[in-house]
């Protein structure tokens, strides 16, 4: 009996240690710019500065740290990250910088919507996680596909942020969606 309790205690300590390591959220990697409701993108957030090309792009990524033991977790907010990769993002410093930054920030905000939807979907499907990570991969794929399609829709509809009326409409809609998903923000 005592041996069983010792094994259980050891297993719990091991799981707690593993969970603590995976919960260590934001790395100190200066190459990653994490999404923030208060900090907007600046020229300095782009690792590649070009001139005369009128081409700017940001590399956004979501990442998750989840395994089968996470079925007990009720909040997945700290396990799904949304960031921009500085070294893979470029900005033309001779083009309309203000407009470019607004466009890229809007794309980043759009990505945050799907990061939050992923966190929500993980919570809603947490009992299926015990059977393996296939559900997680399917949810991730489904939501990232939705993000890519919506990113294309926004880019076309707003003319890459150059149509101020459409740009404002998108910003307003995205703000509403972020507010509706506020319980799934990383900070919550």
Protein backbone atom coordinates (compact mmCIF):
# COMPACT_ATOMS: atom_id res chain seq x y z
CA UNK A 1 0.00 0.00 0.00
CA UNK A 2 2.77 2.42 0.95
CA UNK A 3 4.61 1.57 -2.28
CA UNK A 4 1.55 2.48 -4.38
CA UNK A 5 1.20 5.86 -2.65
CA UNK A 6 4.89 6.58 -3.23
CA UNK A 7 4.50 5.76 -6.92
CA UNK A 8 1.47 8.02 -7.17
CA UNK A 9 3.32 10.82 -5.41
CA UNK A 10 6.32 10.41 -7.72
CA UNK A 11 4.05 10.47 -10.78
CA UNK A 12 2.29 13.60 -9.57
CA UNK A 13 5.61 15.36 -8.93
CA UNK A 14 6.83 14.36 -12.37
CA UNK A 15 3.62 15.64 -14.02
CA UNK A 16 3.75 18.89 -12.04
CA UNK A 17 7.36 19.47 -13.04
CA UNK A 18 6.60 18.77 -16.70
CA UNK A 19 3.56 21.07 -16.59
CA UNK A 20 5.60 23.85 -14.99
CA UNK A 21 8.19 23.61 -17.73
CA UNK A 22 5.60 23.73 -20.50
CA UNK A 23 3.76 26.59 -18.81
CA UNK A 24 6.83 28.78 -19.02
CA UNK A 25 5.15 30.86 -21.70
CA UNK A 26 6.90 33.68 -23.29
CA UNK A 27 10.50 32.94 -23.97
CA UNK A 28 13.14 35.61 -23.84
CA UNK A 29 13.69 35.12 -27.56
CA UNK A 30 14.02 38.66 -28.88
CA UNK A 31 13.14 37.33 -32.34
CA UNK A 32 9.51 36.79 -31.29
CA UNK A 33 7.01 39.61 -30.89
CA UNK A 34 4.05 38.32 -28.87
CA UNK A 35 0.60 39.67 -29.62
CA UNK A 36 -0.51 42.35 -27.19
CA UNK A 37 -3.71 44.33 -26.84
CA UNK A 38 -1.69 47.35 -25.77
CA UNK A 39 1.56 47.20 -27.77
CA UNK A 40 1.13 47.80 -31.47
CA UNK A 41 3.69 46.86 -34.11
CA UNK A 42 6.46 49.33 -34.92
CA UNK A 43 9.11 49.49 -37.64
CA UNK A 44 11.60 48.10 -35.11
CA UNK A 45 9.56 44.89 -34.86
CA UNK A 46 10.49 44.03 -38.45
CA UNK A 47 13.89 42.39 -38.77
CA UNK A 48 14.29 43.12 -42.48
CA UNK A 49 14.24 46.74 -43.61
CA UNK A 50 14.04 47.29 -47.36
CA UNK A 51 13.58 50.36 -49.51
CA UNK A 52 11.93 51.09 -52.83
CA UNK A 53 10.15 47.72 -53.10
CA UNK A 54 6.80 48.73 -51.57
CA UNK A 55 6.53 45.20 -50.23
CA UNK A 56 6.07 44.46 -46.58
CA UNK A 57 5.14 41.23 -44.88
CA UNK A 58 5.03 39.84 -41.40
CA UNK A 59 5.42 36.19 -40.45
CA UNK A 60 2.81 35.32 -37.82
CA UNK A 61 2.72 32.00 -36.04
CA UNK A 62 0.71 30.20 -33.42
CA UNK A 63 2.25 27.50 -31.31
CA UNK A 64 0.80 25.18 -28.71
CA UNK A 65 2.23 23.14 -25.86
CA UNK A 66 -0.32 20.45 -25.15
CA UNK A 67 -0.19 16.73 -24.51
CA UNK A 68 -2.56 14.00 -23.39
CA UNK A 69 -2.10 14.90 -19.72
CA UNK A 70 -3.76 18.27 -20.31
CA UNK A 71 -7.28 16.82 -20.29
CA UNK A 72 -7.48 18.03 -16.68
CA UNK A 73 -6.74 21.61 -17.72
CA UNK A 74 -9.70 23.96 -17.76
CA UNK A 75 -7.82 26.93 -19.19
CA UNK A 76 -5.59 26.54 -22.26
CA UNK A 77 -4.86 30.26 -22.64
CA UNK A 78 -1.21 29.99 -21.56
CA UNK A 79 -0.62 26.93 -23.73
CA UNK A 80 -1.34 28.60 -27.08
CA UNK A 81 1.00 31.36 -28.24
CA UNK A 82 0.53 33.92 -31.00
CA UNK A 83 3.58 35.81 -32.19
CA UNK A 84 5.34 37.48 -35.08
CA UNK A 85 8.79 36.28 -36.10
CA UNK A 86 10.92 39.39 -36.35
CA UNK A 87 13.70 37.94 -38.53
CA UNK A 88 11.17 36.68 -41.12
CA UNK A 89 9.23 39.96 -41.31
CA UNK A 90 10.09 42.78 -43.65
CA UNK A 91 8.99 46.38 -44.09
CA UNK A 92 9.70 48.92 -46.80
CA UNK A 93 10.91 51.99 -44.92
CA UNK A 94 10.33 54.24 -47.96
CA UNK A 95 6.67 53.31 -48.51
CA UNK A 96 3.66 54.47 -46.49
CA UNK A 97 4.86 53.15 -43.14
CA UNK A 98 1.79 54.16 -41.14
CA UNK A 99 -0.56 52.37 -43.54
CA UNK A 100 1.73 49.33 -43.68
CA UNK A 101 1.92 49.06 -39.89
CA UNK A 102 -1.86 49.33 -39.58
CA UNK A 103 -2.30 46.60 -42.20
CA UNK A 104 0.19 44.24 -40.52
CA UNK A 105 -1.26 44.96 -37.06
CA UNK A 106 -4.72 44.13 -38.38
CA UNK A 107 -3.41 40.81 -39.70
CA UNK A 108 -1.80 40.15 -36.30
CA UNK A 109 -5.12 40.95 -34.57
CA UNK A 110 -6.90 38.63 -36.98
CA UNK A 111 -4.45 35.86 -36.09
CA UNK A 112 -5.19 36.50 -32.40
CA UNK A 113 -8.89 35.83 -33.03
CA UNK A 114 -8.03 32.34 -34.25
CA UNK A 115 -5.54 31.76 -31.43
CA UNK A 116 -8.38 32.55 -29.02
CA UNK A 117 -10.79 30.33 -30.91
CA UNK A 118 -8.20 27.54 -30.69
CA UNK A 119 -7.90 28.04 -26.91
CA UNK A 120 -11.70 27.90 -26.63
CA UNK A 121 -11.93 24.79 -28.83
CA UNK A 122 -9.28 23.08 -26.71
CA UNK A 123 -11.25 23.82 -23.56
CA UNK A 124 -14.46 22.59 -25.15
CA UNK A 125 -12.77 19.39 -26.38
CA UNK A 126 -10.42 18.75 -23.45
CA UNK A 127 -11.89 15.35 -22.64
CA UNK A 128 -10.93 14.05 -26.09
CA UNK A 129 -7.31 15.12 -25.53
CA UNK A 130 -6.73 12.17 -23.18
CA UNK A 131 -7.00 9.81 -26.15
CA UNK A 132 -4.14 11.53 -27.95
CA UNK A 133 -3.07 14.62 -29.80
CA UNK A 134 -4.95 13.91 -33.04
CA UNK A 135 -7.88 16.07 -31.92
CA UNK A 136 -5.48 18.92 -31.15
CA UNK A 137 -3.91 18.70 -34.60
CA UNK A 138 -7.32 18.64 -36.26
CA UNK A 139 -8.51 21.69 -34.33
CA UNK A 140 -5.30 23.54 -35.10
CA UNK A 141 -5.52 22.72 -38.80
CA UNK A 142 -9.19 23.70 -39.01
CA UNK A 143 -8.68 27.06 -37.30
CA UNK A 144 -5.46 27.96 -39.11
CA UNK A 145 -7.20 27.22 -42.42
CA UNK A 146 -10.00 29.56 -41.37
CA UNK A 147 -7.39 32.20 -40.47
CA UNK A 148 -5.61 31.92 -43.83
CA UNK A 149 -8.91 32.20 -45.72
CA UNK A 150 -10.00 35.20 -43.66
CA UNK A 151 -6.58 36.82 -44.06
CA UNK A 152 -7.01 36.57 -47.84
CA UNK A 153 -10.54 37.95 -47.63
CA UNK A 154 -9.35 40.92 -45.55
CA UNK A 155 -6.37 41.59 -47.84
CA UNK A 156 -8.57 41.64 -50.95
CA UNK A 157 -11.47 43.51 -49.38
CA UNK A 158 -9.31 46.27 -47.89
CA UNK A 159 -6.86 46.38 -50.83
CA UNK A 160 -4.05 45.45 -48.41
CA UNK A 161 -5.25 48.13 -46.00
CA UNK A 162 -5.20 50.88 -48.68
CA UNK A 163 -8.99 51.34 -48.71
CA UNK A 164 -9.56 53.42 -45.55
CA UNK A 165 -13.31 52.75 -45.37
CA UNK A 166 -12.92 48.96 -45.64
CA UNK A 167 -9.89 49.07 -43.33
CA UNK A 168 -11.95 50.79 -40.61
CA UNK A 169 -14.79 48.27 -41.10
CA UNK A 170 -12.36 45.38 -40.62
CA UNK A 171 -10.76 46.98 -37.56
CA UNK A 172 -14.20 47.44 -35.99
CA UNK A 173 -15.27 43.86 -36.72
CA UNK A 174 -12.00 42.40 -35.44
CA UNK A 175 -12.25 44.45 -32.23
CA UNK A 176 -15.76 43.06 -31.66
CA UNK A 177 -14.56 39.49 -32.18
CA UNK A 178 -11.58 39.96 -29.87
CA UNK A 179 -13.91 41.36 -27.21
CA UNK A 180 -16.30 38.41 -27.61
CA UNK A 181 -13.35 36.05 -27.08
CA UNK A 182 -11.72 38.05 -24.25
CA UNK A 183 -11.94 35.12 -21.83
CA UNK A 184 -9.50 33.28 -24.12
CA UNK A 185 -6.83 35.97 -24.18
CA UNK A 186 -3.39 34.74 -23.14
CA UNK A 187 -3.47 36.93 -20.02
CA UNK A 188 -6.71 35.36 -18.67
